[in-house]
Amino acid sequence: MRRKITLMLWFLFVVLFSLSGCGTLGTSSGPKPYEVTAKGTVVYRGEFEFAMPPMGWKLFWPEGEGEEEFAFGFMKRDPGPFPSQSVFAYDEEPFGCSTKFEEREKEFFKRFLWNAILHFQVLERKKVQAIGEEGLAVTVEGKDPVKKEKAKAKVIFGKRGDRVVAFYITQWRPMDGTYDPSAFETFDKFVESFKFLKKSFYETL
């Protein structure tokens, strides 16, 4: 199921390029899982609250089987040729099982975007504040010389109780494309504003 969720992330930017005038992705005829508060923040499933990203970012969420494994995310089509796209997300169950950030990082990147066949190089690794506690931020870049595509990603590992959770952004570009730092700034603000409104299932056991 984790592989299925990651595959969904890989194809999200393909879907967005094929749609025009679309609204929020991942919607259905049922009630939306979020609400916008009077102070301009977003409350998702009554469990998470965060600042609303700027215009142009579309909220998506998985539906059906396994939807609780992957919480939600935002995507934005960027100027330029395919595959110019930015996607960021919050993940309740990032790849791996270690509760130590350094070990979880190794486990995570063994499977992160596995289907894209990118060769990642670590650009930066540093300790940060995430969800009110110490976390770990890792920035990487991967390139696919065959498809002539590249991606820059930033992953922030944090803790929810004793369990590791993660936030990540991936920005896709053609090999000669230029990355947009403003998307990473939006992502950082999203993480900084993020808070839990109630305990997780595991914290109540």
C-alpha atoms as a PDB file:
ATOM      1  CA  MET A   1       0.000   0.000   0.000  1.00  0.00           C
ATOM      2  CA  ARG A   2       2.877   2.392   0.705  1.00  0.00           C
ATOM      3  CA  ARG A   3       4.110   1.746  -2.833  1.00  0.00           C
ATOM      4  CA  LYS A   4       0.635   2.569  -4.168  1.00  0.00           C
ATOM      5  CA  ILE A   5       0.588   5.895  -2.312  1.00  0.00           C
ATOM      6  CA  THR A   6       4.037   6.885  -3.541  1.00  0.00           C
ATOM      7  CA  LEU A   7       3.068   5.967  -7.098  1.00  0.00           C
ATOM      8  CA  MET A   8       0.133   8.337  -6.728  1.00  0.00           C
ATOM      9  CA  LEU A   9       2.535  11.192  -5.918  1.00  0.00           C
ATOM     10  CA  TRP A  10       4.568  10.372  -9.014  1.00  0.00           C
ATOM     11  CA  PHE A  11       1.545  10.667 -11.295  1.00  0.00           C
ATOM     12  CA  LEU A  12      -0.060  13.722  -9.653  1.00  0.00           C
ATOM     13  CA  PHE A  13       1.848  16.189 -11.775  1.00  0.00           C
ATOM     14  CA  VAL A  14       0.925  14.248 -14.921  1.00  0.00           C
ATOM     15  CA  VAL A  15      -2.752  14.520 -14.016  1.00  0.00           C
ATOM     16  CA  LEU A  16      -2.571  18.247 -13.390  1.00  0.00           C
ATOM     17  CA  PHE A  17      -1.040  18.870 -16.806  1.00  0.00           C
ATOM     18  CA  SER A  18      -3.924  17.052 -18.462  1.00  0.00           C
ATOM     19  CA  LEU A  19      -6.618  19.103 -16.688  1.00  0.00           C
ATOM     20  CA  SER A  20      -7.662  22.662 -17.346  1.00  0.00           C
ATOM     21  CA  GLY A  21      -9.740  24.898 -15.116  1.00  0.00           C
ATOM     22  CA  CYS A  22      -9.822  22.224 -12.434  1.00  0.00           C
ATOM     23  CA  GLY A  23     -10.588  22.933  -8.828  1.00  0.00           C
ATOM     24  CA  THR A  24      -9.374  21.001  -5.817  1.00  0.00           C
ATOM     25  CA  LEU A  25      -8.129  17.571  -6.806  1.00  0.00           C
ATOM     26  CA  GLY A  26      -9.151  14.374  -5.037  1.00  0.00           C
ATOM     27  CA  THR A  27     -12.648  15.644  -4.398  1.00  0.00           C
ATOM     28  CA  SER A  28     -15.808  13.571  -4.538  1.00  0.00           C
ATOM     29  CA  SER A  29     -19.517  14.190  -4.287  1.00  0.00           C
ATOM     30  CA  GLY A  30     -19.273  13.733  -0.512  1.00  0.00           C
ATOM     31  CA  PRO A  31     -18.338  16.371   2.064  1.00  0.00           C
ATOM     32  CA  LYS A  32     -14.871  17.909   1.845  1.00  0.00           C
ATOM     33  CA  PRO A  33     -12.418  16.836   4.570  1.00  0.00           C
ATOM     34  CA  TYR A  34     -11.351  20.402   5.365  1.00  0.00           C
ATOM     35  CA  GLU A  35     -12.712  23.791   6.376  1.00  0.00           C
ATOM     36  CA  VAL A  36     -11.322  27.312   6.220  1.00  0.00           C
ATOM     37  CA  THR A  37     -11.467  29.116   9.561  1.00  0.00           C
ATOM     38  CA  ALA A  38     -12.352  32.754  10.184  1.00  0.00           C
ATOM     39  CA  LYS A  39      -8.665  33.501  10.806  1.00  0.00           C
ATOM     40  CA  GLY A  40      -7.734  32.154   7.386  1.00  0.00           C
ATOM     41  CA  THR A  41      -6.187  28.851   8.424  1.00  0.00           C
ATOM     42  CA  VAL A  42      -7.241  25.426   7.166  1.00  0.00           C
ATOM     43  CA  VAL A  43      -8.465  22.640   9.467  1.00  0.00           C
ATOM     44  CA  TYR A  44      -8.151  19.207   7.867  1.00  0.00           C
ATOM     45  CA  ARG A  45     -10.365  16.364   9.155  1.00  0.00           C
ATOM     46  CA  GLY A  46     -10.607  18.196  12.466  1.00  0.00           C
ATOM     47  CA  GLU A  47      -7.113  16.937  13.270  1.00  0.00           C
ATOM     48  CA  PHE A  48      -4.577  19.286  11.649  1.00  0.00           C
ATOM     49  CA  GLU A  49      -4.443  23.063  11.316  1.00  0.00           C
ATOM     50  CA  PHE A  50      -2.099  25.049   9.085  1.00  0.00           C
ATOM     51  CA  ALA A  51      -1.729  28.282   7.142  1.00  0.00           C
ATOM     52  CA  MET A  52      -3.347  28.353   3.726  1.00  0.00           C
ATOM     53  CA  PRO A  53      -0.798  28.319   0.861  1.00  0.00           C
ATOM     54  CA  PRO A  54      -0.898  31.151  -1.711  1.00  0.00           C
ATOM     55  CA  MET A  55      -3.167  31.106  -4.747  1.00  0.00           C
ATOM     56  CA  GLY A  56      -2.242  28.487  -7.310  1.00  0.00           C
ATOM     57  CA  TRP A  57      -1.732  25.617  -4.877  1.00  0.00           C
ATOM     58  CA  LYS A  58      -4.402  22.904  -5.134  1.00  0.00           C
ATOM     59  CA  LEU A  59      -5.290  20.694  -2.192  1.00  0.00           C
ATOM     60  CA  PHE A  60      -5.527  16.956  -2.856  1.00  0.00           C
ATOM     61  CA  TRP A  61      -6.131  13.922  -0.678  1.00  0.00           C
ATOM     62  CA  PRO A  62      -6.342  10.165  -1.266  1.00  0.00           C
ATOM     63  CA  GLU A  63      -9.691   8.443  -1.248  1.00  0.00           C
ATOM     64  CA  GLY A  64     -10.714   4.873  -0.606  1.00  0.00           C
ATOM     65  CA  GLU A  65      -8.494   2.041   0.562  1.00  0.00           C
ATOM     66  CA  GLY A  66      -5.405   3.104   2.463  1.00  0.00           C
ATOM     67  CA  GLU A  67      -6.375   6.775   2.637  1.00  0.00           C
ATOM     68  CA  GLU A  68      -5.308   7.064   6.271  1.00  0.00           C
ATOM     69  CA  GLU A  69      -1.722   6.117   5.406  1.00  0.00           C
ATOM     70  CA  PHE A  70      -1.177   9.375   3.588  1.00  0.00           C
ATOM     71  CA  ALA A  71      -2.783  12.501   4.958  1.00  0.00           C
ATOM     72  CA  PHE A  72      -2.911  15.205   2.245  1.00  0.00           C
ATOM     73  CA  GLY A  73      -0.879  17.565   0.148  1.00  0.00           C
ATOM     74  CA  PHE A  74      -0.795  20.493  -2.269  1.00  0.00           C
ATOM     75  CA  MET A  75       0.301  20.743  -5.879  1.00  0.00           C
ATOM     76  CA  LYS A  76       1.029  23.549  -8.308  1.00  0.00           C
ATOM     77  CA  ARG A  77       1.743  23.606 -12.007  1.00  0.00           C
ATOM     78  CA  ASP A  78       4.827  25.753 -12.648  1.00  0.00           C
ATOM     79  CA  PRO A  79       5.683  27.793 -15.751  1.00  0.00           C
ATOM     80  CA  GLY A  80       7.741  25.956 -18.330  1.00  0.00           C
ATOM     81  CA  PRO A  81       7.662  22.663 -20.212  1.00  0.00           C
ATOM     82  CA  PHE A  82       6.777  19.274 -18.770  1.00  0.00           C
ATOM     83  CA  PRO A  83       7.450  18.155 -16.056  1.00  0.00           C
ATOM     84  CA  SER A  84       7.499  21.599 -14.373  1.00  0.00           C
ATOM     85  CA  GLN A  85       5.507  20.935 -11.217  1.00  0.00           C
ATOM     86  CA  SER A  86       5.739  21.329  -7.425  1.00  0.00           C
ATOM     87  CA  VAL A  87       4.096  18.992  -4.912  1.00  0.00           C
ATOM     88  CA  PHE A  88       4.296  19.001  -1.118  1.00  0.00           C
ATOM     89  CA  ALA A  89       2.637  16.769   1.437  1.00  0.00           C
ATOM     90  CA  TYR A  90       2.280  15.685   5.039  1.00  0.00           C
ATOM     91  CA  ASP A  91       2.801  11.967   5.666  1.00  0.00           C
ATOM     92  CA  GLU A  92       1.712  10.169   8.835  1.00  0.00           C
ATOM     93  CA  GLU A  93       3.685   7.048   7.967  1.00  0.00           C
ATOM     94  CA  PRO A  94       6.848   7.892   6.018  1.00  0.00           C
ATOM     95  CA  PHE A  95       8.858   4.946   4.737  1.00  0.00           C
ATOM     96  CA  GLY A  96      10.816   3.095   7.408  1.00  0.00           C
ATOM     97  CA  CYS A  97      10.277   2.142  11.029  1.00  0.00           C
ATOM     98  CA  SER A  98      13.108   3.680  13.069  1.00  0.00           C
ATOM     99  CA  THR A  99      12.224   6.376  15.614  1.00  0.00           C
ATOM    100  CA  LYS A 100      15.684   7.961  15.218  1.00  0.00           C
ATOM    101  CA  PHE A 101      15.775  10.639  12.542  1.00  0.00           C
ATOM    102  CA  GLU A 102      19.163   9.718  11.071  1.00  0.00           C
ATOM    103  CA  GLU A 103      18.156   6.074  10.672  1.00  0.00           C
ATOM    104  CA  ARG A 104      14.707   6.985   9.376  1.00  0.00           C
ATOM    105  CA  GLU A 105      16.314   9.213   6.756  1.00  0.00           C
ATOM    106  CA  LYS A 106      18.291   6.252   5.382  1.00  0.00           C
ATOM    107  CA  GLU A 107      15.207   4.026   5.357  1.00  0.00           C
ATOM    108  CA  PHE A 108      13.060   6.720   3.758  1.00  0.00           C
ATOM    109  CA  PHE A 109      15.345   7.557   0.835  1.00  0.00           C
ATOM    110  CA  LYS A 110      15.741   3.906  -0.103  1.00  0.00           C
ATOM    111  CA  ARG A 111      12.109   4.007  -1.273  1.00  0.00           C
ATOM    112  CA  PHE A 112      11.268   7.676  -1.836  1.00  0.00           C
ATOM    113  CA  LEU A 113      10.109   8.180  -5.450  1.00  0.00           C
ATOM    114  CA  TRP A 114      11.359   4.654  -6.165  1.00  0.00           C
ATOM    115  CA  ASN A 115       9.450   4.515  -9.473  1.00  0.00           C
ATOM    116  CA  ALA A 116      11.080   7.683 -10.828  1.00  0.00           C
ATOM    117  CA  ILE A 117      14.533   6.018 -10.898  1.00  0.00           C
ATOM    118  CA  LEU A 118      16.313   9.141  -9.696  1.00  0.00           C
ATOM    119  CA  HIS A 119      19.849   9.119  -8.342  1.00  0.00           C
ATOM    120  CA  PHE A 120      19.719  11.366  -5.272  1.00  0.00           C
ATOM    121  CA  GLN A 121      22.539  13.503  -3.930  1.00  0.00           C
ATOM    122  CA  VAL A 122      22.257  15.146  -0.504  1.00  0.00           C
ATOM    123  CA  LEU A 123      22.588  18.935  -0.796  1.00  0.00           C
ATOM    124  CA  GLU A 124      21.957  19.828   2.848  1.00  0.00           C
ATOM    125  CA  ARG A 125      21.187  18.130   6.137  1.00  0.00           C
ATOM    126  CA  LYS A 126      20.417  20.103   9.297  1.00  0.00           C
ATOM    127  CA  LYS A 127      18.477  20.086  12.550  1.00  0.00           C
ATOM    128  CA  VAL A 128      15.327  22.233  12.578  1.00  0.00           C
ATOM    129  CA  GLN A 129      12.254  22.913  14.673  1.00  0.00           C
ATOM    130  CA  ALA A 130       9.277  20.890  13.490  1.00  0.00           C
ATOM    131  CA  ILE A 131       5.864  20.718  15.173  1.00  0.00           C
ATOM    132  CA  GLY A 132       7.261  22.309  18.333  1.00  0.00           C
ATOM    133  CA  GLU A 133      10.183  19.909  18.718  1.00  0.00           C
ATOM    134  CA  GLU A 134      13.567  19.205  17.216  1.00  0.00           C
ATOM    135  CA  GLY A 135      13.415  17.698  13.748  1.00  0.00           C
ATOM    136  CA  LEU A 136      15.684  16.929  10.825  1.00  0.00           C
ATOM    137  CA  ALA A 137      15.582  18.583   7.385  1.00  0.00           C
ATOM    138  CA  VAL A 138      17.251  16.927   4.400  1.00  0.00           C
ATOM    139  CA  THR A 139      17.449  18.514   0.941  1.00  0.00           C
ATOM    140  CA  VAL A 140      18.342  16.338  -2.038  1.00  0.00           C
ATOM    141  CA  GLU A 141      18.462  16.497  -5.816  1.00  0.00           C
ATOM    142  CA  GLY A 142      17.894  13.615  -8.192  1.00  0.00           C
ATOM    143  CA  LYS A 143      18.483  13.390 -11.934  1.00  0.00           C
ATOM    144  CA  ASP A 144      17.262  11.058 -14.664  1.00  0.00           C
ATOM    145  CA  PRO A 145      19.693  11.385 -17.613  1.00  0.00           C
ATOM    146  CA  VAL A 146      17.547   9.111 -19.782  1.00  0.00           C
ATOM    147  CA  LYS A 147      14.325  11.129 -19.503  1.00  0.00           C
ATOM    148  CA  LYS A 148      16.341  14.349 -19.107  1.00  0.00           C
ATOM    149  CA  GLU A 149      14.406  15.300 -15.988  1.00  0.00           C
ATOM    150  CA  LYS A 150      15.459  16.313 -12.491  1.00  0.00           C
ATOM    151  CA  ALA A 151      13.829  16.880  -9.127  1.00  0.00           C
ATOM    152  CA  LYS A 152      14.772  18.756  -5.996  1.00  0.00           C
ATOM    153  CA  ALA A 153      13.207  17.573  -2.763  1.00  0.00           C
ATOM    154  CA  LYS A 154      13.208  18.630   0.865  1.00  0.00           C
ATOM    155  CA  VAL A 155      12.080  16.283   3.612  1.00  0.00           C
ATOM    156  CA  ILE A 156      11.464  17.384   7.202  1.00  0.00           C
ATOM    157  CA  PHE A 157      11.184  14.638   9.801  1.00  0.00           C
ATOM    158  CA  GLY A 158       9.331  15.414  13.029  1.00  0.00           C
ATOM    159  CA  LYS A 159       7.686  13.582  15.888  1.00  0.00           C
ATOM    160  CA  ARG A 160       4.051  12.969  16.747  1.00  0.00           C
ATOM    161  CA  GLY A 161       4.263  11.376  20.145  1.00  0.00           C
ATOM    162  CA  ASP A 162       6.902   8.658  19.820  1.00  0.00           C
ATOM    163  CA  ARG A 163       6.353   8.149  16.092  1.00  0.00           C
ATOM    164  CA  VAL A 164       8.159   9.821  13.201  1.00  0.00           C
ATOM    165  CA  VAL A 165       6.090  11.794  10.685  1.00  0.00           C
ATOM    166  CA  ALA A 166       7.320  13.703   7.654  1.00  0.00           C
ATOM    167  CA  PHE A 167       6.680  16.693   5.445  1.00  0.00           C
ATOM    168  CA  TYR A 168       8.161  16.758   1.959  1.00  0.00           C
ATOM    169  CA  ILE A 169       8.223  18.855  -1.162  1.00  0.00           C
ATOM    170  CA  THR A 170       9.327  17.713  -4.612  1.00  0.00           C
ATOM    171  CA  GLN A 171       9.891  20.110  -7.493  1.00  0.00           C
ATOM    172  CA  TRP A 172      10.202  18.619 -10.979  1.00  0.00           C
ATOM    173  CA  ARG A 173      11.996  20.243 -13.872  1.00  0.00           C
ATOM    174  CA  PRO A 174      13.440  19.365 -17.288  1.00  0.00           C
ATOM    175  CA  MET A 175      17.185  18.840 -16.954  1.00  0.00           C
ATOM    176  CA  ASP A 176      17.983  22.399 -18.085  1.00  0.00           C
ATOM    177  CA  GLY A 177      15.178  23.963 -16.018  1.00  0.00           C
ATOM    178  CA  THR A 178      15.565  26.314 -13.060  1.00  0.00           C
ATOM    179  CA  TYR A 179      14.132  25.585  -9.613  1.00  0.00           C
ATOM    180  CA  ASP A 180      11.724  28.068  -8.024  1.00  0.00           C
ATOM    181  CA  PRO A 181      12.789  28.866  -4.432  1.00  0.00           C
ATOM    182  CA  SER A 182       9.416  30.467  -3.610  1.00  0.00           C
ATOM    183  CA  ALA A 183       7.776  27.010  -3.582  1.00  0.00           C
ATOM    184  CA  PHE A 184      10.215  25.877  -0.910  1.00  0.00           C
ATOM    185  CA  GLU A 185       9.475  29.041   1.072  1.00  0.00           C
ATOM    186  CA  THR A 186       5.755  28.224   0.900  1.00  0.00           C
ATOM    187  CA  PHE A 187       6.521  24.702   2.075  1.00  0.00           C
ATOM    188  CA  ASP A 188       8.594  25.963   5.017  1.00  0.00           C
ATOM    189  CA  LYS A 189       5.773  28.291   6.090  1.00  0.00           C
ATOM    190  CA  PHE A 190       3.324  25.402   5.858  1.00  0.00           C
ATOM    191  CA  VAL A 191       5.493  23.291   8.158  1.00  0.00           C
ATOM    192  CA  GLU A 192       6.070  26.183  10.570  1.00  0.00           C
ATOM    193  CA  SER A 193       2.322  26.788  10.894  1.00  0.00           C
ATOM    194  CA  PHE A 194       1.355  23.122  11.166  1.00  0.00           C
ATOM    195  CA  LYS A 195      -0.132  21.871  14.424  1.00  0.00           C
ATOM    196  CA  PHE A 196      -2.092  18.908  15.733  1.00  0.00           C
ATOM    197  CA  LEU A 197      -5.542  19.576  17.144  1.00  0.00           C
ATOM    198  CA  LYS A 198      -5.877  16.201  18.854  1.00  0.00           C
ATOM    199  CA  LYS A 199      -3.865  13.113  19.729  1.00  0.00           C
ATOM    200  CA  SER A 200      -3.266  10.459  17.124  1.00  0.00           C
ATOM    201  CA  PHE A 201      -4.743   6.984  17.413  1.00  0.00           C
ATOM    202  CA  TYR A 202      -1.389   5.623  18.585  1.00  0.00           C
ATOM    203  CA  GLU A 203      -1.074   8.282  21.303  1.00  0.00           C
ATOM    204  CA  THR A 204      -4.381   7.170  22.819  1.00  0.00           C
ATOM    205  CA  LEU A 205      -3.367   3.526  23.197  1.00  0.00           C
END
